[in-house]
Amino acid sequence: MFEKGLWFQNYKQSKFIIWILLVLFVLQMPLQAILSLETWTERAEQAAETDEYVYEVQAWDINQIFSQGMFTVFVAVALVLLASLLIGLERNTRRNDFTFSLPYKRSTLFYAKWALGVTVITGFFALNYIPSYIIIHQSEFAYGLNLVSSLEIFWAPLLGYIFFYTFALLIGAITGEMVSQVVLTFLLGFLPLILLTLFQEFMQVHDFFFFSIGSQPRFITYLTPFYYTIGEMGEMIGIFLAVLFTIICTLGGAALYERNKIEYNGEFLIFKQLNPVFIVILTIIIALFGGLIVSSLAPWGANALRIISYWIGFSTFLLFALLLIRRLIIMNITFSGKPT
């Protein structure tokens, strides 16, 4: 795992996105902290001119800097791209033919990729967290830090990023190229939420009010990997699950990477026995999504018309899904690439 040659090889093929990740963390924390202080100061001065209003920083303001907001989404995308460069692109270029010929176990190769990413995430996050915390702590809005806990602004986002990166590596261990790794990482990263949304829409269109889910159950949040990157797990159970899922994905990814068959490089999936599973999942999702889209065009009060339009959309997208997925399964995307 800690062989210098492997670290150099992995860094060389992913250094571009690694430094982009550093820039994103700088934008997310130190720069955003400075700009937020300016905004808070301006609002406090405006409030001072009004006798009936006092401006105070809220917990939400602090969380926006450390664990929530737009930049967390960008960081999550960068982590998926980092994982896909380390595994998916290797398959597209067939560079892992060379990598697998090195005198290391395949599990060691996987752990080296995992260790590089975790080191980069931990180092860059801590490097930007500390000055951001100091900036706020030394300001007149230091009391805002008392409104949040270290679980919310440090451990939850850090462990969430590590888990999502590990999850992307696990998906890379079963996919045959970069595009399918990226697509399936985001699809499976949102899968519990996607299925819940599509199922609720199906029930609503068909007036199955006797079966009402109501608001989103908390367990759906816990089972949706993407939520771990956007500050939704700032509690002990979320921290525990992030660590548990990271361990499972790491061990599972290493075990699957050991069994990879390089003759399937460039194809949608490395393990052909998984093809029927993904065909069924993707077909159902696309068909249900088609029903949702088309039924939304019908007048809200016309229940019969909404049901008819739902099944028209469902059938149309089902046919489209079968044609599309069939091509995805048999595709082979490889191009020349020299060993690193």
C-alpha atoms as a PDB file:
ATOM      1  CA  MET A   1       0.000   0.000   0.000  1.00  0.00           C
ATOM      2  CA  PHE A   2       2.789   2.412   0.874  1.00  0.00           C
ATOM      3  CA  GLU A   3       5.209   1.523  -1.935  1.00  0.00           C
ATOM      4  CA  LYS A   4       6.689   4.752  -3.300  1.00  0.00           C
ATOM      5  CA  GLY A   5       6.461   3.517  -6.879  1.00  0.00           C
ATOM      6  CA  LEU A   6       2.722   2.928  -6.624  1.00  0.00           C
ATOM      7  CA  TRP A   7       2.140   6.316  -5.008  1.00  0.00           C
ATOM      8  CA  PHE A   8       4.129   8.053  -7.725  1.00  0.00           C
ATOM      9  CA  GLN A   9       2.260   6.182 -10.455  1.00  0.00           C
ATOM     10  CA  ASN A  10      -1.163   6.974  -8.973  1.00  0.00           C
ATOM     11  CA  TYR A  11      -0.235  10.602  -8.346  1.00  0.00           C
ATOM     12  CA  LYS A  12       1.082  11.049 -11.879  1.00  0.00           C
ATOM     13  CA  GLN A  13      -2.158   9.876 -13.492  1.00  0.00           C
ATOM     14  CA  SER A  14      -4.409  11.918 -11.178  1.00  0.00           C
ATOM     15  CA  LYS A  15      -2.406  15.002 -10.211  1.00  0.00           C
ATOM     16  CA  PHE A  16      -4.596  17.361 -12.244  1.00  0.00           C
ATOM     17  CA  ILE A  17      -7.765  16.558 -10.310  1.00  0.00           C
ATOM     18  CA  ILE A  18      -5.848  16.381  -7.021  1.00  0.00           C
ATOM     19  CA  TRP A  19      -4.827  20.033  -7.303  1.00  0.00           C
ATOM     20  CA  ILE A  20      -8.315  20.985  -8.446  1.00  0.00           C
ATOM     21  CA  LEU A  21      -9.526  19.375  -5.222  1.00  0.00           C
ATOM     22  CA  LEU A  22      -7.171  21.604  -3.238  1.00  0.00           C
ATOM     23  CA  VAL A  23      -8.531  24.684  -4.995  1.00  0.00           C
ATOM     24  CA  LEU A  24     -12.101  23.617  -4.194  1.00  0.00           C
ATOM     25  CA  PHE A  25     -11.278  23.223  -0.494  1.00  0.00           C
ATOM     26  CA  VAL A  26      -9.645  26.672  -0.480  1.00  0.00           C
ATOM     27  CA  LEU A  27     -12.748  28.171  -2.060  1.00  0.00           C
ATOM     28  CA  GLN A  28     -15.074  26.253   0.250  1.00  0.00           C
ATOM     29  CA  MET A  29     -13.453  27.161   3.582  1.00  0.00           C
ATOM     30  CA  PRO A  30     -10.820  29.944   3.892  1.00  0.00           C
ATOM     31  CA  LEU A  31     -12.077  32.137   1.069  1.00  0.00           C
ATOM     32  CA  GLN A  32     -15.715  31.576   1.963  1.00  0.00           C
ATOM     33  CA  ALA A  33     -14.941  32.324   5.625  1.00  0.00           C
ATOM     34  CA  ILE A  34     -13.358  35.666   4.691  1.00  0.00           C
ATOM     35  CA  LEU A  35     -16.224  36.627   2.407  1.00  0.00           C
ATOM     36  CA  SER A  36     -18.804  35.512   4.982  1.00  0.00           C
ATOM     37  CA  LEU A  37     -17.203  37.709   7.635  1.00  0.00           C
ATOM     38  CA  GLU A  38     -17.511  40.687   5.318  1.00  0.00           C
ATOM     39  CA  THR A  39     -21.172  39.847   4.714  1.00  0.00           C
ATOM     40  CA  TRP A  40     -21.907  39.368   8.411  1.00  0.00           C
ATOM     41  CA  THR A  41     -20.177  42.639   9.297  1.00  0.00           C
ATOM     42  CA  GLU A  42     -22.189  44.520   6.719  1.00  0.00           C
ATOM     43  CA  ARG A  43     -25.442  43.012   7.977  1.00  0.00           C
ATOM     44  CA  ALA A  44     -24.505  43.792  11.587  1.00  0.00           C
ATOM     45  CA  GLU A  45     -23.838  47.436  10.683  1.00  0.00           C
ATOM     46  CA  GLN A  46     -27.169  47.675   8.894  1.00  0.00           C
ATOM     47  CA  ALA A  47     -28.894  46.105  11.888  1.00  0.00           C
ATOM     48  CA  ALA A  48     -27.218  48.591  14.229  1.00  0.00           C
ATOM     49  CA  GLU A  49     -29.003  51.391  12.413  1.00  0.00           C
ATOM     50  CA  THR A  50     -32.327  49.778  13.291  1.00  0.00           C
ATOM     51  CA  ASP A  51     -33.360  49.802  16.941  1.00  0.00           C
ATOM     52  CA  GLU A  52     -35.669  46.802  16.609  1.00  0.00           C
ATOM     53  CA  TYR A  53     -33.249  44.431  14.898  1.00  0.00           C
ATOM     54  CA  VAL A  54     -30.003  42.774  16.011  1.00  0.00           C
ATOM     55  CA  TYR A  55     -28.091  40.599  13.567  1.00  0.00           C
ATOM     56  CA  GLU A  56     -26.726  37.323  14.889  1.00  0.00           C
ATOM     57  CA  VAL A  57     -24.884  34.565  13.069  1.00  0.00           C
ATOM     58  CA  GLN A  58     -26.803  31.291  13.007  1.00  0.00           C
ATOM     59  CA  ALA A  59     -25.568  27.688  13.001  1.00  0.00           C
ATOM     60  CA  TRP A  60     -26.618  27.470   9.360  1.00  0.00           C
ATOM     61  CA  ASP A  61     -24.122  30.222   8.473  1.00  0.00           C
ATOM     62  CA  ILE A  62     -21.246  28.286  10.032  1.00  0.00           C
ATOM     63  CA  ASN A  63     -22.284  24.988   8.442  1.00  0.00           C
ATOM     64  CA  GLN A  64     -22.344  26.639   5.026  1.00  0.00           C
ATOM     65  CA  ILE A  65     -18.618  27.231   5.333  1.00  0.00           C
ATOM     66  CA  PHE A  66     -17.470  23.862   6.656  1.00  0.00           C
ATOM     67  CA  SER A  67     -19.923  21.143   5.729  1.00  0.00           C
ATOM     68  CA  GLN A  68     -22.739  22.359   3.499  1.00  0.00           C
ATOM     69  CA  GLY A  69     -23.368  24.563   0.491  1.00  0.00           C
ATOM     70  CA  MET A  70     -22.570  24.523  -3.186  1.00  0.00           C
ATOM     71  CA  PHE A  71     -18.866  23.710  -2.891  1.00  0.00           C
ATOM     72  CA  THR A  72     -19.531  20.391  -1.133  1.00  0.00           C
ATOM     73  CA  VAL A  73     -21.246  19.214  -4.323  1.00  0.00           C
ATOM     74  CA  PHE A  74     -18.238  20.284  -6.397  1.00  0.00           C
ATOM     75  CA  VAL A  75     -15.919  18.444  -4.009  1.00  0.00           C
ATOM     76  CA  ALA A  76     -18.062  15.295  -4.320  1.00  0.00           C
ATOM     77  CA  VAL A  77     -17.837  15.493  -8.132  1.00  0.00           C
ATOM     78  CA  ALA A  78     -14.057  15.946  -7.914  1.00  0.00           C
ATOM     79  CA  LEU A  79     -13.767  12.868  -5.681  1.00  0.00           C
ATOM     80  CA  VAL A  80     -15.657  10.751  -8.212  1.00  0.00           C
ATOM     81  CA  LEU A  81     -13.393  12.019 -10.981  1.00  0.00           C
ATOM     82  CA  LEU A  82     -10.316  11.245  -8.868  1.00  0.00           C
ATOM     83  CA  ALA A  83     -11.504   7.665  -8.330  1.00  0.00           C
ATOM     84  CA  SER A  84     -12.363   7.285 -12.018  1.00  0.00           C
ATOM     85  CA  LEU A  85      -8.919   8.492 -13.084  1.00  0.00           C
ATOM     86  CA  LEU A  86      -7.264   5.972 -10.780  1.00  0.00           C
ATOM     87  CA  ILE A  87      -9.344   2.988 -11.924  1.00  0.00           C
ATOM     88  CA  GLY A  88     -11.680   3.740 -14.833  1.00  0.00           C
ATOM     89  CA  LEU A  89      -9.215   5.582 -17.038  1.00  0.00           C
ATOM     90  CA  GLU A  90      -6.661   2.831 -16.435  1.00  0.00           C
ATOM     91  CA  ARG A  91      -9.096   0.405 -17.977  1.00  0.00           C
ATOM     92  CA  ASN A  92      -9.942   2.672 -20.947  1.00  0.00           C
ATOM     93  CA  THR A  93      -6.260   3.041 -21.792  1.00  0.00           C
ATOM     94  CA  ARG A  94      -5.389  -0.547 -20.779  1.00  0.00           C
ATOM     95  CA  ARG A  95      -2.654   0.822 -18.548  1.00  0.00           C
ATOM     96  CA  ASN A  96      -3.697  -1.596 -15.836  1.00  0.00           C
ATOM     97  CA  ASP A  97      -2.324  -4.389 -18.058  1.00  0.00           C
ATOM     98  CA  PHE A  98       1.029  -2.906 -17.077  1.00  0.00           C
ATOM     99  CA  THR A  99      -0.048  -2.209 -13.493  1.00  0.00           C
ATOM    100  CA  PHE A 100      -1.188  -5.800 -12.949  1.00  0.00           C
ATOM    101  CA  SER A 101       2.171  -7.027 -14.230  1.00  0.00           C
ATOM    102  CA  LEU A 102       3.959  -5.288 -11.335  1.00  0.00           C
ATOM    103  CA  PRO A 103       5.154  -7.497  -8.443  1.00  0.00           C
ATOM    104  CA  TYR A 104       2.285  -6.500  -6.144  1.00  0.00           C
ATOM    105  CA  LYS A 105      -0.969  -8.127  -5.164  1.00  0.00           C
ATOM    106  CA  ARG A 106      -3.993  -6.595  -6.844  1.00  0.00           C
ATOM    107  CA  SER A 107      -5.434  -5.828  -3.414  1.00  0.00           C
ATOM    108  CA  THR A 108      -2.248  -3.865  -2.671  1.00  0.00           C
ATOM    109  CA  LEU A 109      -2.776  -1.871  -5.872  1.00  0.00           C
ATOM    110  CA  PHE A 110      -6.321  -1.053  -4.761  1.00  0.00           C
ATOM    111  CA  TYR A 111      -5.258  -0.096  -1.239  1.00  0.00           C
ATOM    112  CA  ALA A 112      -2.574   2.191  -2.697  1.00  0.00           C
ATOM    113  CA  LYS A 113      -5.223   4.053  -4.704  1.00  0.00           C
ATOM    114  CA  TRP A 114      -7.440   4.240  -1.626  1.00  0.00           C
ATOM    115  CA  ALA A 115      -4.597   5.469   0.603  1.00  0.00           C
ATOM    116  CA  LEU A 116      -3.595   8.194  -1.868  1.00  0.00           C
ATOM    117  CA  GLY A 117      -7.132   9.544  -2.045  1.00  0.00           C
ATOM    118  CA  VAL A 118      -7.700   9.383   1.711  1.00  0.00           C
ATOM    119  CA  THR A 119      -4.383  11.124   2.368  1.00  0.00           C
ATOM    120  CA  VAL A 120      -5.203  13.872  -0.113  1.00  0.00           C
ATOM    121  CA  ILE A 121      -8.729  14.356   1.294  1.00  0.00           C
ATOM    122  CA  THR A 122      -7.586  14.386   4.928  1.00  0.00           C
ATOM    123  CA  GLY A 123      -4.574  16.609   4.293  1.00  0.00           C
ATOM    124  CA  PHE A 124      -6.356  19.186   2.139  1.00  0.00           C
ATOM    125  CA  PHE A 125      -9.425  19.273   4.383  1.00  0.00           C
ATOM    126  CA  ALA A 126      -7.426  19.784   7.588  1.00  0.00           C
ATOM    127  CA  LEU A 127      -5.112  22.269   5.883  1.00  0.00           C
ATOM    128  CA  ASN A 128      -8.077  24.481   5.018  1.00  0.00           C
ATOM    129  CA  TYR A 129     -10.241  23.768   8.063  1.00  0.00           C
ATOM    130  CA  ILE A 130      -7.692  25.100  10.577  1.00  0.00           C
ATOM    131  CA  PRO A 131      -7.190  28.599   9.091  1.00  0.00           C
ATOM    132  CA  SER A 132     -10.932  28.907   8.423  1.00  0.00           C
ATOM    133  CA  TYR A 133     -11.716  28.092  12.047  1.00  0.00           C
ATOM    134  CA  ILE A 134      -9.086  30.578  13.243  1.00  0.00           C
ATOM    135  CA  ILE A 135     -10.439  33.312  10.949  1.00  0.00           C
ATOM    136  CA  ILE A 136     -13.904  32.991  12.449  1.00  0.00           C
ATOM    137  CA  HIS A 137     -12.629  32.463  16.002  1.00  0.00           C
ATOM    138  CA  GLN A 138     -10.652  35.713  15.901  1.00  0.00           C
ATOM    139  CA  SER A 139     -13.604  37.727  14.650  1.00  0.00           C
ATOM    140  CA  GLU A 140     -16.499  39.319  16.490  1.00  0.00           C
ATOM    141  CA  PHE A 141     -18.648  36.398  15.319  1.00  0.00           C
ATOM    142  CA  ALA A 142     -16.663  33.764  17.224  1.00  0.00           C
ATOM    143  CA  TYR A 143     -19.798  32.917  19.211  1.00  0.00           C
ATOM    144  CA  GLY A 144     -21.145  31.279  16.054  1.00  0.00           C
ATOM    145  CA  LEU A 145     -18.684  28.414  16.535  1.00  0.00           C
ATOM    146  CA  ASN A 146     -20.428  27.556  19.802  1.00  0.00           C
ATOM    147  CA  LEU A 147     -23.622  26.896  17.865  1.00  0.00           C
ATOM    148  CA  VAL A 148     -22.125  23.903  16.071  1.00  0.00           C
ATOM    149  CA  SER A 149     -20.139  20.863  17.146  1.00  0.00           C
ATOM    150  CA  SER A 150     -16.930  19.336  15.821  1.00  0.00           C
ATOM    151  CA  LEU A 151     -19.052  16.415  14.602  1.00  0.00           C
ATOM    152  CA  GLU A 152     -20.994  18.748  12.324  1.00  0.00           C
ATOM    153  CA  ILE A 153     -18.187  20.848  10.882  1.00  0.00           C
ATOM    154  CA  PHE A 154     -15.153  18.528  10.954  1.00  0.00           C
ATOM    155  CA  TRP A 155     -15.767  14.807  11.392  1.00  0.00           C
ATOM    156  CA  ALA A 156     -19.003  14.500   9.431  1.00  0.00           C
ATOM    157  CA  PRO A 157     -17.761  16.203   6.238  1.00  0.00           C
ATOM    158  CA  LEU A 158     -14.281  14.631   6.410  1.00  0.00           C
ATOM    159  CA  LEU A 159     -15.533  11.092   6.960  1.00  0.00           C
ATOM    160  CA  GLY A 160     -18.329  11.698   4.458  1.00  0.00           C
ATOM    161  CA  TYR A 161     -15.835  12.659   1.749  1.00  0.00           C
ATOM    162  CA  ILE A 162     -13.682   9.617   2.540  1.00  0.00           C
ATOM    163  CA  PHE A 163     -16.694   7.302   2.382  1.00  0.00           C
ATOM    164  CA  PHE A 164     -17.943   8.710  -0.924  1.00  0.00           C
ATOM    165  CA  TYR A 165     -14.463   8.442  -2.462  1.00  0.00           C
ATOM    166  CA  THR A 166     -14.197   4.837  -1.249  1.00  0.00           C
ATOM    167  CA  PHE A 167     -17.661   4.153  -2.639  1.00  0.00           C
ATOM    168  CA  ALA A 168     -16.530   5.493  -6.042  1.00  0.00           C
ATOM    169  CA  LEU A 169     -13.501   3.163  -5.936  1.00  0.00           C
ATOM    170  CA  LEU A 170     -15.790   0.216  -5.144  1.00  0.00           C
ATOM    171  CA  ILE A 171     -17.910   1.034  -8.199  1.00  0.00           C
ATOM    172  CA  GLY A 172     -14.698   1.289 -10.222  1.00  0.00           C
ATOM    173  CA  ALA A 173     -13.828  -2.252  -9.173  1.00  0.00           C
ATOM    174  CA  ILE A 174     -16.939  -3.620 -10.905  1.00  0.00           C
ATOM    175  CA  THR A 175     -17.076  -1.343 -13.960  1.00  0.00           C
ATOM    176  CA  GLY A 176     -14.978  -1.736 -17.050  1.00  0.00           C
ATOM    177  CA  GLU A 177     -14.254   1.872 -17.951  1.00  0.00           C
ATOM    178  CA  MET A 178     -14.373   5.476 -16.782  1.00  0.00           C
ATOM    179  CA  VAL A 179     -17.754   6.628 -18.105  1.00  0.00           C
ATOM    180  CA  SER A 180     -19.685   3.740 -16.600  1.00  0.00           C
ATOM    181  CA  GLN A 181     -17.821   4.232 -13.305  1.00  0.00           C
ATOM    182  CA  VAL A 182     -18.847   7.893 -13.110  1.00  0.00           C
ATOM    183  CA  VAL A 183     -22.446   7.257 -14.199  1.00  0.00           C
ATOM    184  CA  LEU A 184     -23.007   4.317 -11.854  1.00  0.00           C
ATOM    185  CA  THR A 185     -21.340   6.093  -8.931  1.00  0.00           C
ATOM    186  CA  PHE A 186     -23.820   8.945  -9.116  1.00  0.00           C
ATOM    187  CA  LEU A 187     -26.753   6.669  -9.958  1.00  0.00           C
ATOM    188  CA  LEU A 188     -26.102   4.312  -7.049  1.00  0.00           C
ATOM    189  CA  GLY A 189     -25.072   7.247  -4.877  1.00  0.00           C
ATOM    190  CA  PHE A 190     -28.622   8.606  -5.219  1.00  0.00           C
ATOM    191  CA  LEU A 191     -30.399   5.264  -5.702  1.00  0.00           C
ATOM    192  CA  PRO A 192     -32.407   5.046  -2.431  1.00  0.00           C
ATOM    193  CA  LEU A 193     -33.632   8.619  -2.882  1.00  0.00           C
ATOM    194  CA  ILE A 194     -34.390   8.044  -6.578  1.00  0.00           C
ATOM    195  CA  LEU A 195     -36.399   4.901  -5.872  1.00  0.00           C
ATOM    196  CA  LEU A 196     -38.329   6.592  -3.059  1.00  0.00           C
ATOM    197  CA  THR A 197     -39.213   9.580  -5.268  1.00  0.00           C
ATOM    198  CA  LEU A 198     -40.301   7.430  -8.212  1.00  0.00           C
ATOM    199  CA  PHE A 199     -42.317   5.113  -5.953  1.00  0.00           C
ATOM    200  CA  GLN A 200     -44.091   8.022  -4.267  1.00  0.00           C
ATOM    201  CA  GLU A 201     -44.982   9.516  -7.646  1.00  0.00           C
ATOM    202  CA  PHE A 202     -46.344   6.164  -8.823  1.00  0.00           C
ATOM    203  CA  MET A 203     -48.533   5.936  -5.710  1.00  0.00           C
ATOM    204  CA  GLN A 204     -49.733   9.520  -6.044  1.00  0.00           C
ATOM    205  CA  VAL A 205     -50.680   9.229  -9.717  1.00  0.00           C
ATOM    206  CA  HIS A 206     -52.700   6.077  -9.063  1.00  0.00           C
ATOM    207  CA  ASP A 207     -54.346   7.527  -5.955  1.00  0.00           C
ATOM    208  CA  PHE A 208     -52.977   4.863  -3.639  1.00  0.00           C
ATOM    209  CA  PHE A 209     -53.432   7.180  -0.687  1.00  0.00           C
ATOM    210  CA  PHE A 210     -53.907   4.232   1.603  1.00  0.00           C
ATOM    211  CA  PHE A 211     -50.166   3.725   1.248  1.00  0.00           C
ATOM    212  CA  SER A 212     -48.600   7.049   2.130  1.00  0.00           C
ATOM    213  CA  ILE A 213     -44.916   7.418   2.957  1.00  0.00           C
ATOM    214  CA  GLY A 214     -45.181  11.067   3.891  1.00  0.00           C
ATOM    215  CA  SER A 215     -41.914  12.925   4.409  1.00  0.00           C
ATOM    216  CA  GLN A 216     -38.614  11.287   3.526  1.00  0.00           C
ATOM    217  CA  PRO A 217     -37.755   8.602   6.113  1.00  0.00           C
ATOM    218  CA  ARG A 218     -34.476   9.160   7.899  1.00  0.00           C
ATOM    219  CA  PHE A 219     -33.198   5.697   6.978  1.00  0.00           C
ATOM    220  CA  ILE A 220     -33.286   6.727   3.313  1.00  0.00           C
ATOM    221  CA  THR A 221     -30.832   9.505   4.159  1.00  0.00           C
ATOM    222  CA  TYR A 222     -28.561   7.036   5.927  1.00  0.00           C
ATOM    223  CA  LEU A 223     -28.627   4.676   2.920  1.00  0.00           C
ATOM    224  CA  THR A 224     -27.918   7.385   0.311  1.00  0.00           C
ATOM    225  CA  PRO A 225     -24.128   7.751  -0.119  1.00  0.00           C
ATOM    226  CA  PHE A 226     -24.312  11.237  -1.636  1.00  0.00           C
ATOM    227  CA  TYR A 227     -25.896  12.659   1.522  1.00  0.00           C
ATOM    228  CA  TYR A 228     -22.665  11.970   3.386  1.00  0.00           C
ATOM    229  CA  THR A 229     -20.900  14.666   1.352  1.00  0.00           C
ATOM    230  CA  ILE A 230     -23.327  17.524   1.968  1.00  0.00           C
ATOM    231  CA  GLY A 231     -23.398  17.826   5.733  1.00  0.00           C
ATOM    232  CA  GLU A 232     -26.436  15.655   6.415  1.00  0.00           C
ATOM    233  CA  MET A 233     -24.679  13.336   8.878  1.00  0.00           C
ATOM    234  CA  GLY A 234     -23.606  15.640  11.703  1.00  0.00           C
ATOM    235  CA  GLU A 235     -24.664  13.213  14.437  1.00  0.00           C
ATOM    236  CA  MET A 236     -23.118  10.163  16.077  1.00  0.00           C
ATOM    237  CA  ILE A 237     -25.137   7.619  14.100  1.00  0.00           C
ATOM    238  CA  GLY A 238     -24.085   9.310  10.854  1.00  0.00           C
ATOM    239  CA  ILE A 239     -20.418   9.233  11.881  1.00  0.00           C
ATOM    240  CA  PHE A 240     -20.669   5.568  12.823  1.00  0.00           C
ATOM    241  CA  LEU A 241     -22.324   4.645   9.515  1.00  0.00           C
ATOM    242  CA  ALA A 242     -19.766   6.622   7.509  1.00  0.00           C
ATOM    243  CA  VAL A 243     -16.939   4.663   9.148  1.00  0.00           C
ATOM    244  CA  LEU A 244     -18.771   1.341   8.804  1.00  0.00           C
ATOM    245  CA  PHE A 245     -19.631   1.882   5.127  1.00  0.00           C
ATOM    246  CA  THR A 246     -16.048   3.009   4.424  1.00  0.00           C
ATOM    247  CA  ILE A 247     -14.678  -0.226   5.886  1.00  0.00           C
ATOM    248  CA  ILE A 248     -17.185  -2.322   3.923  1.00  0.00           C
ATOM    249  CA  CYS A 249     -16.478  -0.505   0.646  1.00  0.00           C
ATOM    250  CA  THR A 250     -12.709  -0.688   1.145  1.00  0.00           C
ATOM    251  CA  LEU A 251     -12.627  -4.413   1.876  1.00  0.00           C
ATOM    252  CA  GLY A 252     -15.243  -5.153  -0.773  1.00  0.00           C
ATOM    253  CA  GLY A 253     -13.466  -3.053  -3.376  1.00  0.00           C
ATOM    254  CA  ALA A 254     -10.131  -4.755  -2.708  1.00  0.00           C
ATOM    255  CA  ALA A 255     -11.715  -8.213  -2.919  1.00  0.00           C
ATOM    256  CA  LEU A 256     -13.438  -7.399  -6.215  1.00  0.00           C
ATOM    257  CA  TYR A 257     -10.322  -5.720  -7.644  1.00  0.00           C
ATOM    258  CA  GLU A 258      -8.387  -8.951  -7.023  1.00  0.00           C
ATOM    259  CA  ARG A 259     -10.876 -10.824  -9.190  1.00  0.00           C
ATOM    260  CA  ASN A 260     -10.936  -8.342 -12.092  1.00  0.00           C
ATOM    261  CA  LYS A 261     -10.603  -9.844 -15.559  1.00  0.00           C
ATOM    262  CA  ILE A 262      -8.576  -7.486 -17.726  1.00  0.00           C
ATOM    263  CA  GLU A 263     -10.027  -8.986 -20.927  1.00  0.00           C
ATOM    264  CA  TYR A 264     -13.213  -7.055 -20.123  1.00  0.00           C
ATOM    265  CA  ASN A 265     -11.465  -3.672 -19.942  1.00  0.00           C
ATOM    266  CA  GLY A 266     -13.465  -1.020 -21.762  1.00  0.00           C
ATOM    267  CA  GLU A 267     -16.802  -2.774 -21.264  1.00  0.00           C
ATOM    268  CA  PHE A 268     -19.681  -1.554 -19.115  1.00  0.00           C
ATOM    269  CA  LEU A 269     -19.093  -4.067 -16.314  1.00  0.00           C
ATOM    270  CA  ILE A 270     -16.167  -6.297 -15.456  1.00  0.00           C
ATOM    271  CA  PHE A 271     -18.333  -8.962 -13.819  1.00  0.00           C
ATOM    272  CA  LYS A 272     -20.764 -10.238 -16.424  1.00  0.00           C
ATOM    273  CA  GLN A 273     -22.948 -11.952 -13.823  1.00  0.00           C
ATOM    274  CA  LEU A 274     -23.967  -8.457 -12.664  1.00  0.00           C
ATOM    275  CA  ASN A 275     -25.345  -7.499 -16.080  1.00  0.00           C
ATOM    276  CA  PRO A 276     -28.900  -8.802 -15.432  1.00  0.00           C
ATOM    277  CA  VAL A 277     -29.031  -6.943 -12.103  1.00  0.00           C
ATOM    278  CA  PHE A 278     -28.071  -3.611 -13.616  1.00  0.00           C
ATOM    279  CA  ILE A 279     -30.296  -4.151 -16.653  1.00  0.00           C
ATOM    280  CA  VAL A 280     -33.314  -4.606 -14.380  1.00  0.00           C
ATOM    281  CA  ILE A 281     -32.418  -1.658 -12.108  1.00  0.00           C
ATOM    282  CA  LEU A 282     -31.692   0.779 -14.937  1.00  0.00           C
ATOM    283  CA  THR A 283     -34.739  -0.305 -16.944  1.00  0.00           C
ATOM    284  CA  ILE A 284     -37.114   0.160 -14.005  1.00  0.00           C
ATOM    285  CA  ILE A 285     -35.655   3.557 -13.097  1.00  0.00           C
ATOM    286  CA  ILE A 286     -35.806   4.901 -16.654  1.00  0.00           C
ATOM    287  CA  ALA A 287     -39.345   3.582 -17.205  1.00  0.00           C
ATOM    288  CA  LEU A 288     -40.643   5.020 -13.921  1.00  0.00           C
ATOM    289  CA  PHE A 289     -38.914   8.309 -14.682  1.00  0.00           C
ATOM    290  CA  GLY A 290     -40.632   8.401 -18.076  1.00  0.00           C
ATOM    291  CA  GLY A 291     -44.001   7.893 -16.413  1.00  0.00           C
ATOM    292  CA  LEU A 292     -43.253  10.729 -13.969  1.00  0.00           C
ATOM    293  CA  ILE A 293     -42.234  13.139 -16.745  1.00  0.00           C
ATOM    294  CA  VAL A 294     -45.174  12.487 -19.069  1.00  0.00           C
ATOM    295  CA  SER A 295     -47.803  12.394 -16.299  1.00  0.00           C
ATOM    296  CA  SER A 296     -46.608  15.798 -15.078  1.00  0.00           C
ATOM    297  CA  LEU A 297     -47.811  17.261 -18.397  1.00  0.00           C
ATOM    298  CA  ALA A 298     -51.419  16.260 -17.706  1.00  0.00           C
ATOM    299  CA  PRO A 299     -53.794  18.602 -15.786  1.00  0.00           C
ATOM    300  CA  TRP A 300     -53.551  18.000 -12.059  1.00  0.00           C
ATOM    301  CA  GLY A 301     -57.270  17.391 -11.578  1.00  0.00           C
ATOM    302  CA  ALA A 302     -57.668  14.976 -14.523  1.00  0.00           C
ATOM    303  CA  ASN A 303     -56.846  11.763 -12.675  1.00  0.00           C
ATOM    304  CA  ALA A 304     -57.771   9.381 -15.479  1.00  0.00           C
ATOM    305  CA  LEU A 305     -55.720  11.373 -17.987  1.00  0.00           C
ATOM    306  CA  ARG A 306     -52.743  11.427 -15.607  1.00  0.00           C
ATOM    307  CA  ILE A 307     -52.863   7.641 -15.237  1.00  0.00           C
ATOM    308  CA  ILE A 308     -53.084   7.126 -18.999  1.00  0.00           C
ATOM    309  CA  SER A 309     -50.244   9.561 -19.678  1.00  0.00           C
ATOM    310  CA  TYR A 310     -48.180   7.910 -16.931  1.00  0.00           C
ATOM    311  CA  TRP A 311     -48.360   4.527 -18.621  1.00  0.00           C
ATOM    312  CA  ILE A 312     -47.713   6.044 -22.047  1.00  0.00           C
ATOM    313  CA  GLY A 313     -44.533   7.607 -20.662  1.00  0.00           C
ATOM    314  CA  PHE A 314     -43.654   4.413 -18.813  1.00  0.00           C
ATOM    315  CA  SER A 315     -44.017   2.250 -21.932  1.00  0.00           C
ATOM    316  CA  THR A 316     -42.161   4.685 -24.199  1.00  0.00           C
ATOM    317  CA  PHE A 317     -39.208   5.068 -21.839  1.00  0.00           C
ATOM    318  CA  LEU A 318     -39.211   1.314 -21.170  1.00  0.00           C
ATOM    319  CA  LEU A 319     -38.630   0.658 -24.860  1.00  0.00           C
ATOM    320  CA  PHE A 320     -35.993   3.380 -24.971  1.00  0.00           C
ATOM    321  CA  ALA A 321     -34.292   1.910 -21.887  1.00  0.00           C
ATOM    322  CA  LEU A 322     -34.141  -1.593 -23.361  1.00  0.00           C
ATOM    323  CA  LEU A 323     -32.529  -0.294 -26.566  1.00  0.00           C
ATOM    324  CA  LEU A 324     -30.096   1.987 -24.726  1.00  0.00           C
ATOM    325  CA  ILE A 325     -29.017  -0.461 -22.037  1.00  0.00           C
ATOM    326  CA  ARG A 326     -28.462  -3.204 -24.584  1.00  0.00           C
ATOM    327  CA  ARG A 327     -25.941  -0.968 -26.322  1.00  0.00           C
ATOM    328  CA  LEU A 328     -24.339   0.027 -23.016  1.00  0.00           C
ATOM    329  CA  ILE A 329     -23.785  -3.573 -22.014  1.00  0.00           C
ATOM    330  CA  ILE A 330     -22.020  -4.524 -25.256  1.00  0.00           C
ATOM    331  CA  MET A 331     -19.999  -1.314 -25.675  1.00  0.00           C
ATOM    332  CA  ASN A 332     -16.218  -1.363 -25.442  1.00  0.00           C
ATOM    333  CA  ILE A 333     -14.404   1.939 -24.962  1.00  0.00           C
ATOM    334  CA  THR A 334     -10.644   1.610 -25.087  1.00  0.00           C
ATOM    335  CA  PHE A 335      -7.934   3.803 -26.527  1.00  0.00           C
ATOM    336  CA  SER A 336      -4.179   3.830 -26.539  1.00  0.00           C
ATOM    337  CA  GLY A 337      -2.323   4.876 -23.435  1.00  0.00           C
ATOM    338  CA  LYS A 338       1.260   4.393 -22.409  1.00  0.00           C
ATOM    339  CA  PRO A 339       2.190   2.968 -19.022  1.00  0.00           C
ATOM    340  CA  THR A 340       3.021   5.391 -16.205  1.00  0.00           C
END
